Amino acid sequence: MIRVLFSIIFVVLILALGTCAQTAFRSHKAIGRSVALLLIGLIPPVIGNLVIISSTYKLGAAIGSYIYFLGMDLAVYALLRFTFDYCSISWPNRALRLLVNALLILDVVQLLLNPVFHHAFDNEAILVGGATYFRLLPFLGQSFHRIVGYGIFAAALIIFFLKALRSPRINSERYSVILAAMIFTGLWQSFYIFSRTPIDRSMIGFGVFGLLVYYLALHYRPMRLLDRMLATIASELPEALFFFEMNGQCIWANKPALELTGAGDGDFDLAAERLRALMGDCGEGCETWSGQQVVGSGEASKSYVVERHPVTDEGGRQVGSFLSIRDNTHEQRLLQREMYNATHDSLTDLYNRAGYDLYVSGMELDSALMILIDADNFKDVNDNFGHEVGDRVLQKIAGAIRRHFRVDDFVCRFGGDEFVVIIAHADDSLHDQICSKFALINEDLADTADGLPPVSVSAGIAFGADAADATQGTLPLHLL
């Protein structure tokens, strides 16, 4: 019964190793070929172990032993090749590679000479549960075989250990999991060899190891490694990132997020609390949300683009959300500057015609008062004093108009020496007051203390709906 049970286990292992080897050969991953060769290398010793257990005659056990030992040489060679490929290293020097190959060839030769010299091993019959099994009797040649095999296995262990130890923490897991599987397999193999257990089942460990290597090298996704990689990448992003569970609790925030909120490392609850105080709920309860948030005022203000996105599991169910916050203060200021330049006159710093059109398109003119202003005989100024003085005179006119009207009144250089003032929510009762303002404006413009020639302006006024047609020249103005 025991013989049948273990024979079935070995047959299943052989089929599994063969199937995985075939799949590994077809893998698009670079390590696939080395994995496939390792699995193929493990099949002969597993077959040998199967033959040993299932044999009821000494000759069959001896044949199984030869398949087993020669297969082990092939397996450790394939293991060493896999180790170099998986750890992305090459042989230190050609002499060492030749030495390893020579030792394996020498071991193969001395095992093949065992029928002649009987120096490596023999098989002895024992009874286990009333059935005959054949146990190995190791001699000097078998000791050499074990030194070669264990030596190469130990070399692979050391390589994986050093890679796990010296690699950055973010990469060490993928080496550590293979190392752990090798240690487990080595201990299993050693137990059956040195305990001289009547029924040799040692290759079960190597067969399982082969399947573990197949899974770990080609399919395993080390979650700790992925977590660290994602956390490292997210921490290096300039955007502030907050991750929330469905109940709204913050479970992780990257470095920019902690800096934004002034929270300490790992204090994610405080970071979330300060974020809400800083920017409000930012779409809490919404699956997807985006908005523009301004924090502070004046020159010290900061502008942020805030977006909330859902996080779903493999079944498409929402399990949380993450918030990304990007500082776009510089972009907004550039945009404001471009908008300012597009709507303002560079000479006088008043609104220009584009600014006028934009302003008028967004207001109700029914309750507005519009004043059109012309500089008197401005052409004479340019002709007699030059365009540089003419520009300074235009700046003087703009300054005088702005001084004598309210900050809320719209003042625009409509073009050339023409200016427009719009007073919202006004009526013709302001006529006398506006006349007084222009008397003061012309008084300022007549002052030559600044070295500029005296000038004056004339103005016309339109009220309500008439103001819409005033600048188009389709409606007479009431001259002041």
Protein backbone atom coordinates (compact mmCIF):
# COMPACT_ATOMS: atom_id res chain seq x y z
CA MET A 1 0.00 0.00 0.00
CA ILE A 2 2.83 2.42 0.88
CA ARG A 3 4.61 1.54 -2.37
CA VAL A 4 1.49 2.30 -4.41
CA LEU A 5 0.83 5.57 -2.57
CA PHE A 6 4.31 6.95 -3.10
CA SER A 7 4.45 5.67 -6.66
CA ILE A 8 1.31 7.72 -7.39
CA ILE A 9 2.87 10.79 -5.74
CA PHE A 10 6.02 10.47 -7.87
CA VAL A 11 4.03 9.96 -11.07
CA VAL A 12 1.98 13.09 -10.31
CA LEU A 13 5.19 15.05 -9.64
CA ILE A 14 6.73 13.88 -12.93
CA LEU A 15 3.62 14.88 -14.90
CA ALA A 16 3.43 18.22 -13.09
CA LEU A 17 7.12 18.97 -13.72
CA GLY A 18 6.78 18.07 -17.40
CA THR A 19 3.67 20.19 -17.86
CA CYS A 20 5.22 23.19 -16.08
CA ALA A 21 8.44 22.80 -18.09
CA GLN A 22 6.44 22.94 -21.33
CA THR A 23 4.60 26.04 -20.14
CA ALA A 24 7.86 27.68 -19.01
CA PHE A 25 9.39 27.15 -22.46
CA ARG A 26 6.47 29.06 -23.98
CA SER A 27 6.70 31.87 -21.42
CA HIS A 28 7.51 35.33 -22.76
CA LYS A 29 9.64 36.02 -19.69
CA ALA A 30 13.42 35.92 -20.12
CA ILE A 31 13.82 33.53 -17.17
CA GLY A 32 11.35 31.03 -18.68
CA ARG A 33 13.97 28.93 -20.50
CA SER A 34 16.14 28.52 -17.39
CA VAL A 35 13.07 27.52 -15.35
CA ALA A 36 12.10 24.96 -18.00
CA LEU A 37 15.61 23.44 -18.03
CA LEU A 38 15.58 23.21 -14.23
CA LEU A 39 12.24 21.38 -14.28
CA ILE A 40 13.46 19.01 -16.96
CA GLY A 41 16.64 18.42 -14.96
CA LEU A 42 14.55 17.43 -11.93
CA ILE A 43 12.52 14.82 -13.80
CA PRO A 44 15.28 12.08 -14.10
CA PRO A 45 16.08 11.91 -10.35
CA VAL A 46 12.36 11.83 -9.56
CA ILE A 47 11.97 8.96 -12.04
CA GLY A 48 14.95 7.22 -10.41
CA ASN A 49 13.39 7.61 -6.97
CA LEU A 50 10.12 6.17 -8.35
CA VAL A 51 11.94 3.15 -9.77
CA ILE A 52 13.74 2.56 -6.44
CA ILE A 53 10.53 2.61 -4.41
CA SER A 54 8.50 0.52 -6.85
CA SER A 55 11.23 -2.15 -7.35
CA THR A 56 10.91 -5.54 -5.66
CA TYR A 57 14.22 -6.82 -7.12
CA LYS A 58 17.75 -5.59 -6.55
CA LEU A 59 18.46 -5.02 -10.25
CA GLY A 60 15.50 -2.68 -10.59
CA ALA A 61 16.59 -0.75 -7.48
CA ALA A 62 20.15 -0.51 -8.85
CA ILE A 63 18.90 0.85 -12.21
CA GLY A 64 16.74 3.36 -10.32
CA SER A 65 19.77 4.41 -8.25
CA TYR A 66 21.85 5.11 -11.36
CA ILE A 67 19.03 7.16 -12.90
CA TYR A 68 18.65 8.97 -9.59
CA PHE A 69 22.34 9.86 -9.06
CA LEU A 70 23.05 10.80 -12.68
CA GLY A 71 19.83 12.80 -12.71
CA MET A 72 20.95 14.67 -9.58
CA ASP A 73 24.09 15.82 -11.42
CA LEU A 74 21.87 17.16 -14.20
CA ALA A 75 19.53 18.77 -11.65
CA VAL A 76 22.21 20.65 -9.69
CA TYR A 77 23.79 21.86 -12.95
CA ALA A 78 20.38 23.17 -14.09
CA LEU A 79 19.90 24.72 -10.63
CA LEU A 80 23.20 26.56 -10.88
CA ARG A 81 22.33 27.87 -14.35
CA PHE A 82 18.91 29.01 -13.10
CA THR A 83 20.59 30.75 -10.14
CA PHE A 84 22.93 32.75 -12.38
CA ASP A 85 20.10 33.75 -14.74
CA TYR A 86 17.57 34.60 -12.03
CA CYS A 87 20.09 36.61 -10.01
CA SER A 88 21.42 38.31 -13.20
CA ILE A 89 25.06 37.43 -12.56
CA SER A 90 27.75 35.74 -14.65
CA TRP A 91 30.55 33.32 -13.80
CA PRO A 92 33.36 35.06 -11.87
CA ASN A 93 35.94 33.52 -14.21
CA ARG A 94 36.27 30.82 -16.85
CA ALA A 95 38.45 28.61 -14.64
CA LEU A 96 35.72 28.27 -12.01
CA ARG A 97 33.17 27.29 -14.64
CA LEU A 98 35.54 24.67 -16.07
CA LEU A 99 36.14 23.33 -12.56
CA VAL A 100 32.42 22.87 -11.87
CA ASN A 101 31.90 21.18 -15.25
CA ALA A 102 34.92 18.94 -14.65
CA LEU A 103 33.65 17.87 -11.21
CA LEU A 104 30.22 16.99 -12.62
CA ILE A 105 31.74 15.04 -15.52
CA LEU A 106 34.10 13.25 -13.12
CA ASP A 107 31.16 12.34 -10.89
CA VAL A 108 29.20 10.98 -13.86
CA VAL A 109 32.19 8.88 -14.94
CA GLN A 110 32.85 7.44 -11.47
CA LEU A 111 29.16 6.56 -11.06
CA LEU A 112 29.14 4.79 -14.42
CA LEU A 113 32.21 2.80 -13.33
CA ASN A 114 30.48 1.57 -10.17
CA PRO A 115 29.36 -1.77 -11.77
CA VAL A 116 33.05 -2.48 -12.38
CA PHE A 117 34.71 -1.29 -9.17
CA HIS A 118 31.73 -1.26 -6.74
CA HIS A 119 33.20 1.87 -5.11
CA ALA A 120 30.17 4.20 -5.13
CA PHE A 121 27.14 2.37 -3.71
CA ASP A 122 25.19 -0.82 -3.37
CA ASN A 123 21.61 -1.71 -2.50
CA GLU A 124 20.52 -3.92 0.37
CA ALA A 125 17.13 -5.53 0.83
CA ILE A 126 15.08 -4.61 3.92
CA LEU A 127 11.57 -5.43 5.05
CA VAL A 128 9.11 -2.61 5.76
CA GLY A 129 5.59 -3.64 6.72
CA GLY A 130 6.15 -7.10 5.31
CA ALA A 131 7.29 -5.76 1.88
CA THR A 132 10.79 -5.79 0.41
CA TYR A 133 12.49 -2.44 -0.23
CA PHE A 134 16.08 -1.68 -1.21
CA ARG A 135 18.07 0.78 0.85
CA LEU A 136 21.23 2.53 -0.36
CA LEU A 137 24.61 1.47 0.98
CA PRO A 138 26.92 4.47 0.33
CA PHE A 139 30.66 3.98 -0.32
CA LEU A 140 33.51 6.38 -1.08
CA GLY A 141 32.24 7.26 -4.55
CA GLN A 142 28.86 8.15 -3.10
CA SER A 143 30.58 10.54 -0.70
CA PHE A 144 32.24 12.26 -3.68
CA HIS A 145 28.85 12.47 -5.40
CA ARG A 146 27.33 14.10 -2.34
CA ILE A 147 30.20 16.58 -1.98
CA VAL A 148 29.77 17.68 -5.60
CA GLY A 149 25.98 17.86 -5.40
CA TYR A 150 25.80 19.55 -2.02
CA GLY A 151 28.66 21.87 -2.98
CA ILE A 152 26.82 23.18 -6.05
CA PHE A 153 23.55 23.38 -4.09
CA ALA A 154 25.33 25.34 -1.34
CA ALA A 155 26.85 27.68 -3.94
CA ALA A 156 23.35 28.44 -5.26
CA LEU A 157 22.15 29.01 -1.69
CA ILE A 158 24.99 31.45 -1.02
CA ILE A 159 24.31 33.38 -4.23
CA PHE A 160 20.62 33.79 -3.37
CA PHE A 161 21.49 34.71 0.22
CA LEU A 162 23.93 37.43 -0.90
CA LYS A 163 21.48 38.80 -3.46
CA ALA A 164 18.72 38.96 -0.83
CA LEU A 165 21.13 40.60 1.63
CA ARG A 166 22.77 43.13 -0.71
CA SER A 167 19.84 44.08 -2.91
CA PRO A 168 17.76 47.12 -2.04
CA ARG A 169 14.90 46.25 0.28
CA ILE A 170 12.46 46.88 -2.53
CA ASN A 171 14.00 43.99 -4.55
CA SER A 172 15.13 41.57 -1.84
CA GLU A 173 11.82 39.71 -1.50
CA ARG A 174 12.01 37.98 -4.88
CA TYR A 175 15.37 36.48 -3.88
CA SER A 176 14.28 35.69 -0.34
CA VAL A 177 11.31 33.56 -1.39
CA ILE A 178 13.50 31.36 -3.65
CA LEU A 179 16.11 31.13 -0.87
CA ALA A 180 13.48 29.98 1.61
CA ALA A 181 12.25 27.32 -0.82
CA MET A 182 15.83 26.07 -1.35
CA ILE A 183 16.53 25.85 2.38
CA PHE A 184 13.30 23.91 2.90
CA THR A 185 14.19 21.51 0.08
CA GLY A 186 17.76 21.06 1.29
CA LEU A 187 16.61 20.20 4.81
CA TRP A 188 14.04 17.74 3.48
CA GLN A 189 16.63 16.04 1.26
CA SER A 190 19.21 15.90 4.06
CA PHE A 191 16.74 14.35 6.48
CA TYR A 192 16.07 11.38 4.23
CA ILE A 193 19.73 10.90 3.32
CA PHE A 194 21.25 11.04 6.78
CA SER A 195 18.39 9.46 8.73
CA ARG A 196 18.59 6.38 6.45
CA THR A 197 14.81 6.15 6.39
CA PRO A 198 13.89 2.75 4.96
CA ILE A 199 11.76 4.21 2.15
CA ASP A 200 13.61 6.94 0.23
CA ARG A 201 11.22 9.80 -0.51
CA SER A 202 13.85 12.52 -0.78
CA MET A 203 13.01 13.58 -4.33
CA ILE A 204 9.53 14.62 -3.29
CA GLY A 205 11.25 17.66 -1.79
CA PHE A 206 13.10 18.46 -5.01
CA GLY A 207 9.96 17.93 -7.08
CA VAL A 208 8.03 20.33 -4.88
CA PHE A 209 10.95 22.75 -5.08
CA GLY A 210 10.78 22.67 -8.89
CA LEU A 211 7.09 23.50 -8.82
CA LEU A 212 7.74 26.30 -6.32
CA VAL A 213 10.45 27.75 -8.57
CA TYR A 214 8.07 27.60 -11.53
CA TYR A 215 5.42 29.50 -9.59
CA LEU A 216 7.74 31.96 -7.87
CA ALA A 217 9.79 32.80 -10.98
CA LEU A 218 6.97 33.05 -13.53
CA HIS A 219 3.70 33.71 -11.72
CA TYR A 220 4.30 34.93 -8.20
CA ARG A 221 3.64 38.60 -7.57
CA PRO A 222 5.47 39.50 -4.36
CA MET A 223 2.97 41.77 -2.64
CA ARG A 224 5.46 43.23 -0.19
CA LEU A 225 7.70 44.08 -3.14
CA LEU A 226 4.80 45.60 -5.07
CA ASP A 227 3.66 47.54 -2.01
CA ARG A 228 7.14 48.95 -1.50
CA MET A 229 7.59 49.78 -5.18
CA LEU A 230 4.22 51.52 -5.36
CA ALA A 231 4.82 53.35 -2.10
CA THR A 232 8.28 54.44 -3.26
CA ILE A 233 6.97 55.60 -6.64
CA ALA A 234 4.01 57.37 -5.05
CA SER A 235 6.25 59.07 -2.50
CA GLU A 236 8.45 60.45 -5.29
CA LEU A 237 5.51 61.95 -7.18
CA PRO A 238 5.12 65.73 -6.86
CA GLU A 239 1.35 65.34 -6.31
CA ALA A 240 0.03 64.83 -2.80
CA LEU A 241 -1.77 61.48 -2.55
CA PHE A 242 -4.23 60.35 0.14
CA PHE A 243 -5.76 56.85 0.19
CA PHE A 244 -9.04 56.29 2.03
CA GLU A 245 -11.10 53.29 3.07
CA MET A 246 -14.82 53.23 2.37
CA ASN A 247 -15.50 54.65 5.84
CA GLY A 248 -13.40 57.71 4.98
CA GLN A 249 -10.40 56.78 7.16
CA CYS A 250 -7.05 57.71 5.63
CA ILE A 251 -4.88 54.58 5.45
CA TRP A 252 -1.85 56.03 3.63
CA ALA A 253 -0.46 59.35 2.42
CA ASN A 254 2.74 60.05 0.53
CA LYS A 255 5.48 62.47 1.53
CA PRO A 256 4.11 65.53 -0.36
CA ALA A 257 0.71 64.92 1.29
CA LEU A 258 2.27 64.86 4.75
CA GLU A 259 4.25 68.01 3.95
CA LEU A 260 1.12 69.76 2.65
CA THR A 261 -0.77 69.09 5.87
CA GLY A 262 2.23 69.37 8.21
CA ALA A 263 1.63 65.88 9.62
CA GLY A 264 4.44 63.62 10.78
CA ASP A 265 5.50 60.39 9.09
CA GLY A 266 2.82 57.75 9.48
CA ASP A 267 0.32 60.09 11.15
CA PHE A 268 -2.29 59.62 8.44
CA ASP A 269 -5.30 60.43 10.65
CA LEU A 270 -3.87 63.85 11.46
CA ALA A 271 -3.05 64.42 7.79
CA ALA A 272 -6.67 63.70 6.80
CA GLU A 273 -8.01 65.96 9.58
CA ARG A 274 -5.81 68.87 8.53
CA LEU A 275 -6.66 68.29 4.87
CA ARG A 276 -10.37 68.73 5.61
CA ALA A 277 -9.63 71.90 7.58
CA LEU A 278 -7.51 73.18 4.70
CA MET A 279 -9.66 72.30 1.70
CA GLY A 280 -13.02 71.02 2.92
CA ASP A 281 -14.42 67.56 2.21
CA CYS A 282 -12.97 67.40 -1.37
CA GLY A 283 -15.79 65.26 -2.72
CA GLU A 284 -16.20 62.81 0.18
CA GLY A 285 -19.02 60.43 -0.62
CA CYS A 286 -18.57 60.91 -4.38
CA GLU A 287 -17.11 58.16 -6.55
CA THR A 288 -15.38 60.66 -8.83
CA TRP A 289 -14.88 64.33 -8.10
CA SER A 290 -12.59 67.14 -9.22
CA GLY A 291 -12.21 70.77 -8.32
CA GLN A 292 -9.95 73.80 -8.02
CA GLN A 293 -9.04 74.88 -4.50
CA VAL A 294 -7.35 78.13 -3.47
CA VAL A 295 -5.68 78.24 -0.07
CA GLY A 296 -4.67 81.59 1.43
CA SER A 297 -5.02 85.04 -0.10
CA GLY A 298 -3.00 87.60 -1.98
CA GLU A 299 0.52 86.84 -3.12
CA ALA A 300 0.79 84.05 -0.55
CA SER A 301 -2.21 82.16 -1.95
CA LYS A 302 -1.77 78.68 -3.39
CA SER A 303 -3.91 77.07 -6.08
CA TYR A 304 -4.48 73.29 -6.25
CA VAL A 305 -6.16 70.88 -8.64
CA VAL A 306 -7.93 68.24 -6.51
CA GLU A 307 -9.27 64.96 -7.91
CA ARG A 308 -10.90 62.00 -6.20
CA HIS A 309 -10.97 58.58 -7.87
CA PRO A 310 -12.47 55.25 -6.74
CA VAL A 311 -10.34 52.19 -5.96
CA THR A 312 -11.94 48.88 -6.96
CA ASP A 313 -11.07 45.24 -6.34
CA GLU A 314 -10.79 42.50 -8.95
CA GLY A 315 -14.56 42.08 -8.88
CA GLY A 316 -15.16 45.73 -9.70
CA ARG A 317 -16.44 46.59 -6.22
CA GLN A 318 -15.35 49.90 -4.75
CA VAL A 319 -13.13 49.34 -1.72
CA GLY A 320 -11.94 52.89 -1.17
CA SER A 321 -10.75 56.01 -2.93
CA PHE A 322 -7.67 58.11 -3.41
CA LEU A 323 -7.26 61.86 -3.58
CA SER A 324 -4.61 63.53 -5.71
CA ILE A 325 -3.70 67.16 -5.07
CA ARG A 326 -1.49 69.01 -7.54
CA ASP A 327 -0.09 72.48 -6.91
CA ASN A 328 -0.83 74.52 -10.05
CA THR A 329 -0.18 77.95 -8.53
CA HIS A 330 2.48 78.76 -11.10
CA GLU A 331 0.21 77.71 -13.96
CA GLN A 332 -2.68 79.80 -12.63
CA ARG A 333 -0.48 82.86 -12.21
CA LEU A 334 0.86 82.45 -15.73
CA LEU A 335 -2.72 82.11 -16.97
CA GLN A 336 -3.77 85.20 -15.02
CA ARG A 337 -0.80 87.11 -16.41
CA GLU A 338 -1.66 86.03 -19.96
CA MET A 339 -5.28 87.00 -19.42
CA TYR A 340 -4.20 90.33 -17.95
CA ASN A 341 -1.89 91.04 -20.90
CA ALA A 342 -4.64 90.07 -23.35
CA THR A 343 -7.20 92.42 -21.78
CA HIS A 344 -5.01 95.38 -20.73
CA ASP A 345 -3.20 98.10 -22.61
CA SER A 346 0.57 97.81 -22.14
CA LEU A 347 1.11 101.61 -22.31
CA THR A 348 -1.49 102.88 -19.85
CA ASP A 349 -2.24 99.65 -17.88
CA LEU A 350 -5.95 100.29 -18.47
CA TYR A 351 -8.28 97.75 -20.02
CA ASN A 352 -7.98 97.52 -23.81
CA ARG A 353 -10.64 96.88 -26.47
CA ALA A 354 -10.58 93.12 -25.79
CA GLY A 355 -11.07 93.84 -22.09
CA TYR A 356 -13.93 96.17 -22.95
CA ASP A 357 -15.69 93.53 -25.06
CA LEU A 358 -15.27 90.93 -22.33
CA TYR A 359 -16.57 93.29 -19.65
CA VAL A 360 -19.57 94.52 -21.63
CA SER A 361 -20.57 90.97 -22.66
CA GLY A 362 -21.04 90.01 -19.04
CA MET A 363 -23.00 92.97 -17.69
CA GLU A 364 -26.43 94.53 -17.93
CA LEU A 365 -26.12 97.93 -19.62
CA ASP A 366 -29.70 98.95 -18.81
CA SER A 367 -28.59 100.46 -15.51
CA ALA A 368 -25.12 101.58 -16.65
CA LEU A 369 -23.63 104.92 -17.58
CA MET A 370 -20.98 105.10 -20.30
CA ILE A 371 -18.56 107.97 -20.86
CA LEU A 372 -16.55 108.28 -24.09
CA ILE A 373 -13.44 110.45 -23.82
CA ASP A 374 -11.23 111.94 -26.57
CA ALA A 375 -7.97 113.83 -26.16
CA ASP A 376 -8.29 117.23 -27.86
CA ASN A 377 -5.94 117.86 -30.77
CA PHE A 378 -3.76 114.92 -29.78
CA LYS A 379 -2.35 114.71 -33.32
CA ASP A 380 -0.69 118.09 -32.78
CA VAL A 381 1.08 116.71 -29.72
CA ASN A 382 2.57 113.82 -31.73
CA ASP A 383 3.48 116.09 -34.64
CA ASN A 384 5.11 118.81 -32.52
CA PHE A 385 6.69 116.84 -29.70
CA GLY A 386 7.09 113.30 -31.08
CA HIS A 387 5.53 109.95 -30.30
CA GLU A 388 7.52 109.40 -27.11
CA VAL A 389 6.05 112.55 -25.56
CA GLY A 390 2.68 111.57 -27.01
CA ASP A 391 2.85 108.22 -25.17
CA ARG A 392 3.69 110.00 -21.92
CA VAL A 393 0.71 112.31 -22.44
CA LEU A 394 -1.58 109.29 -22.95
CA GLN A 395 -0.23 107.83 -19.69
CA LYS A 396 -0.94 111.16 -17.97
CA ILE A 397 -4.51 111.21 -19.31
CA ALA A 398 -5.06 107.59 -18.17
CA GLY A 399 -3.72 108.40 -14.69
CA ALA A 400 -5.93 111.47 -14.36
CA ILE A 401 -9.06 109.57 -15.38
CA ARG A 402 -8.30 106.73 -12.99
CA ARG A 403 -7.67 109.14 -10.10
CA HIS A 404 -10.97 110.90 -10.44
CA PHE A 405 -13.18 107.82 -10.81
CA ARG A 406 -13.87 105.05 -8.33
CA VAL A 407 -11.90 101.82 -8.15
CA ASP A 408 -15.06 99.91 -9.11
CA ASP A 409 -15.62 101.99 -12.25
CA PHE A 410 -14.45 100.38 -15.49
CA VAL A 411 -11.77 102.48 -17.24
CA CYS A 412 -10.56 101.46 -20.70
CA ARG A 413 -8.28 102.80 -23.44
CA PHE A 414 -10.60 102.12 -26.33
CA GLY A 415 -8.00 102.85 -28.98
CA GLY A 416 -5.55 105.61 -29.91
CA ASP A 417 -6.46 108.66 -27.84
CA GLU A 418 -9.98 107.41 -27.04
CA PHE A 419 -10.97 106.25 -23.56
CA VAL A 420 -14.15 104.74 -22.09
CA VAL A 421 -15.48 104.81 -18.53
CA ILE A 422 -18.45 102.62 -17.50
CA ILE A 423 -20.24 103.20 -14.22
CA ALA A 424 -22.53 100.35 -13.27
CA HIS A 425 -25.87 100.93 -11.53
CA ALA A 426 -26.00 104.64 -12.36
CA ASP A 427 -28.45 107.09 -13.96
CA ASP A 428 -28.43 110.61 -15.39
CA SER A 429 -28.62 112.16 -11.94
CA LEU A 430 -24.81 111.84 -11.87
CA HIS A 431 -24.47 114.25 -14.83
CA ASP A 432 -23.37 117.26 -12.81
CA GLN A 433 -21.01 115.21 -10.64
CA ILE A 434 -19.32 113.75 -13.72
CA CYS A 435 -18.97 117.25 -15.24
CA SER A 436 -17.15 118.30 -12.07
CA LYS A 437 -14.80 115.32 -12.40
CA PHE A 438 -13.84 116.29 -15.94
CA ALA A 439 -13.19 119.86 -14.88
CA LEU A 440 -10.68 118.47 -12.36
CA ILE A 441 -9.22 116.07 -14.96
CA ASN A 442 -8.61 118.93 -17.42
CA GLU A 443 -7.12 121.00 -14.62
CA ASP A 444 -4.61 118.19 -13.97
CA LEU A 445 -3.82 117.86 -17.68
CA ALA A 446 -3.18 121.62 -18.00
CA ASP A 447 -0.44 121.43 -15.34
CA THR A 448 2.98 121.46 -17.09
CA ALA A 449 5.10 120.91 -13.98
CA ASP A 450 5.96 117.42 -15.28
CA GLY A 451 7.45 118.89 -18.47
CA LEU A 452 4.64 117.69 -20.69
CA PRO A 453 2.63 120.00 -22.93
CA PRO A 454 -0.85 120.99 -21.69
CA VAL A 455 -3.75 118.98 -23.11
CA SER A 456 -7.47 118.65 -22.52
CA VAL A 457 -10.12 116.00 -23.08
CA SER A 458 -13.72 116.12 -24.26
CA ALA A 459 -16.35 113.62 -23.24
CA GLY A 460 -19.82 112.44 -24.14
CA ILE A 461 -22.18 110.39 -22.01
CA ALA A 462 -24.83 107.77 -22.70
CA PHE A 463 -27.28 106.17 -20.28
CA GLY A 464 -28.86 102.75 -20.09
CA ALA A 465 -29.56 100.88 -23.30
CA ASP A 466 -28.13 103.79 -25.33
CA ALA A 467 -24.68 102.94 -23.96
CA ALA A 468 -24.59 99.72 -26.02
CA ASP A 469 -24.58 101.71 -29.26
CA ALA A 470 -22.47 104.63 -28.08
CA THR A 471 -19.07 103.18 -28.92
CA GLN A 472 -20.29 102.12 -32.35
CA GLY A 473 -21.08 105.74 -33.26
CA THR A 474 -24.72 104.89 -33.98
CA LEU A 475 -26.09 107.07 -31.16
CA PRO A 476 -25.37 110.70 -30.44
CA LEU A 477 -23.69 111.33 -27.10
CA HIS A 478 -24.76 113.94 -24.59
CA LEU A 479 -21.68 116.13 -24.54
CA LEU A 480 -20.39 117.25 -21.17
